[in-house]
Amino acid sequence: MITIFIPLHLFAMLSEELMWRGFFLPIQQDIFGNWAWVVNGLLWAWGYSCLSEVAFYHMLPSMLIASWITQFTHSTWASFV
């Protein structure tokens, strides 16, 4: 079971990062400028709020930090780390 779960989890994690930070963040930068990282982090945390309201508040700091790092380093790989 673990040999299936780990590759699938890594694939899901990498594809989420590429979608939210690699595709949506540059578009949001054109619209929101330097505040795109805030919008991106809030939207991503809001997406996880379907799990529970508590998930939103627990995920929000890491979502904002990852978006900020990605926007100002211009590297999606920075958010992977």
C-alpha atoms as a PDB file:
ATOM      1  CA  MET A   1       0.000   0.000   0.000  1.00  0.00           C
ATOM      2  CA  ILE A   2       2.800   2.440   0.875  1.00  0.00           C
ATOM      3  CA  THR A   3       4.505   1.838  -2.487  1.00  0.00           C
ATOM      4  CA  ILE A   4       1.375   3.131  -4.189  1.00  0.00           C
ATOM      5  CA  PHE A   5       0.519   5.924  -1.753  1.00  0.00           C
ATOM      6  CA  ILE A   6       3.874   7.735  -1.741  1.00  0.00           C
ATOM      7  CA  PRO A   7       4.218   8.165  -5.551  1.00  0.00           C
ATOM      8  CA  LEU A   8       0.572   9.210  -5.872  1.00  0.00           C
ATOM      9  CA  HIS A   9       0.914  11.727  -3.048  1.00  0.00           C
ATOM     10  CA  LEU A  10       4.089  13.193  -4.557  1.00  0.00           C
ATOM     11  CA  PHE A  11       2.426  13.459  -7.972  1.00  0.00           C
ATOM     12  CA  ALA A  12      -0.614  15.210  -6.457  1.00  0.00           C
ATOM     13  CA  MET A  13       1.582  17.598  -4.471  1.00  0.00           C
ATOM     14  CA  LEU A  14       3.741  18.539  -7.457  1.00  0.00           C
ATOM     15  CA  SER A  15       0.766  19.006  -9.769  1.00  0.00           C
ATOM     16  CA  GLU A  16      -0.988  21.252  -7.210  1.00  0.00           C
ATOM     17  CA  GLU A  17       2.104  23.421  -6.949  1.00  0.00           C
ATOM     18  CA  LEU A  18       2.429  23.670 -10.716  1.00  0.00           C
ATOM     19  CA  MET A  19      -1.244  24.577 -11.094  1.00  0.00           C
ATOM     20  CA  TRP A  20      -1.570  27.130  -8.283  1.00  0.00           C
ATOM     21  CA  ARG A  21       1.894  28.660  -8.352  1.00  0.00           C
ATOM     22  CA  GLY A  22       3.159  27.896 -11.841  1.00  0.00           C
ATOM     23  CA  PHE A  23      -0.007  28.712 -13.799  1.00  0.00           C
ATOM     24  CA  PHE A  24      -2.385  30.826 -11.685  1.00  0.00           C
ATOM     25  CA  LEU A  25       0.141  33.005  -9.829  1.00  0.00           C
ATOM     26  CA  PRO A  26       1.662  34.612 -12.972  1.00  0.00           C
ATOM     27  CA  ILE A  27      -1.850  35.409 -14.231  1.00  0.00           C
ATOM     28  CA  GLN A  28      -2.749  36.876 -10.854  1.00  0.00           C
ATOM     29  CA  GLN A  29       0.448  38.970 -10.919  1.00  0.00           C
ATOM     30  CA  ASP A  30      -0.781  40.631 -14.109  1.00  0.00           C
ATOM     31  CA  ILE A  31      -4.079  41.458 -12.411  1.00  0.00           C
ATOM     32  CA  PHE A  32      -3.121  42.160  -8.773  1.00  0.00           C
ATOM     33  CA  GLY A  33       0.536  43.136  -9.087  1.00  0.00           C
ATOM     34  CA  ASN A  34       2.605  42.751  -5.915  1.00  0.00           C
ATOM     35  CA  TRP A  35      -0.468  41.598  -3.954  1.00  0.00           C
ATOM     36  CA  ALA A  36      -0.963  38.470  -6.088  1.00  0.00           C
ATOM     37  CA  TRP A  37       0.689  36.276  -3.458  1.00  0.00           C
ATOM     38  CA  VAL A  38      -2.011  37.272  -0.938  1.00  0.00           C
ATOM     39  CA  VAL A  39      -4.837  36.495  -3.368  1.00  0.00           C
ATOM     40  CA  ASN A  40      -3.230  33.205  -4.380  1.00  0.00           C
ATOM     41  CA  GLY A  41      -2.658  32.121  -0.777  1.00  0.00           C
ATOM     42  CA  LEU A  42      -6.197  33.046   0.277  1.00  0.00           C
ATOM     43  CA  LEU A  43      -7.748  31.200  -2.656  1.00  0.00           C
ATOM     44  CA  TRP A  44      -5.654  28.122  -2.035  1.00  0.00           C
ATOM     45  CA  ALA A  45      -6.489  28.090   1.687  1.00  0.00           C
ATOM     46  CA  TRP A  46     -10.164  28.668   0.832  1.00  0.00           C
ATOM     47  CA  GLY A  47     -10.004  25.613  -1.412  1.00  0.00           C
ATOM     48  CA  TYR A  48      -8.944  23.558   1.598  1.00  0.00           C
ATOM     49  CA  SER A  49     -11.685  25.042   3.770  1.00  0.00           C
ATOM     50  CA  CYS A  50     -14.079  22.458   2.326  1.00  0.00           C
ATOM     51  CA  LEU A  51     -12.356  20.015   4.683  1.00  0.00           C
ATOM     52  CA  SER A  52     -13.298  22.121   7.705  1.00  0.00           C
ATOM     53  CA  GLU A  53     -13.274  25.732   8.812  1.00  0.00           C
ATOM     54  CA  VAL A  54     -10.355  24.954  11.087  1.00  0.00           C
ATOM     55  CA  ALA A  55      -8.358  23.708   8.065  1.00  0.00           C
ATOM     56  CA  PHE A  56      -8.556  27.194   6.540  1.00  0.00           C
ATOM     57  CA  TYR A  57      -6.931  28.823   9.568  1.00  0.00           C
ATOM     58  CA  HIS A  58      -4.308  26.119   9.911  1.00  0.00           C
ATOM     59  CA  MET A  59      -3.388  26.150   6.220  1.00  0.00           C
ATOM     60  CA  LEU A  60      -3.459  29.926   5.688  1.00  0.00           C
ATOM     61  CA  PRO A  61       0.030  30.792   7.027  1.00  0.00           C
ATOM     62  CA  SER A  62       1.795  28.142   4.961  1.00  0.00           C
ATOM     63  CA  MET A  63      -0.220  29.025   1.846  1.00  0.00           C
ATOM     64  CA  LEU A  64       0.677  32.707   2.157  1.00  0.00           C
ATOM     65  CA  ILE A  65       4.364  31.987   2.812  1.00  0.00           C
ATOM     66  CA  ALA A  66       4.637  29.580  -0.141  1.00  0.00           C
ATOM     67  CA  SER A  67       2.910  32.072  -2.463  1.00  0.00           C
ATOM     68  CA  TRP A  68       5.144  34.912  -1.295  1.00  0.00           C
ATOM     69  CA  ILE A  69       8.320  32.860  -1.776  1.00  0.00           C
ATOM     70  CA  THR A  70       7.226  31.782  -5.248  1.00  0.00           C
ATOM     71  CA  GLN A  71       6.285  35.279  -6.377  1.00  0.00           C
ATOM     72  CA  PHE A  72       9.434  36.998  -5.199  1.00  0.00           C
ATOM     73  CA  THR A  73      11.904  34.290  -6.237  1.00  0.00           C
ATOM     74  CA  HIS A  74      10.101  33.755  -9.572  1.00  0.00           C
ATOM     75  CA  SER A  75      10.599  30.027  -9.043  1.00  0.00           C
ATOM     76  CA  THR A  76       7.980  27.335  -8.534  1.00  0.00           C
ATOM     77  CA  TRP A  77      10.735  25.086  -7.231  1.00  0.00           C
ATOM     78  CA  ALA A  78      11.088  27.316  -4.166  1.00  0.00           C
ATOM     79  CA  SER A  79       7.573  26.378  -3.052  1.00  0.00           C
ATOM     80  CA  PHE A  80       8.333  22.678  -3.527  1.00  0.00           C
ATOM     81  CA  VAL A  81      11.099  22.956  -0.966  1.00  0.00           C
END
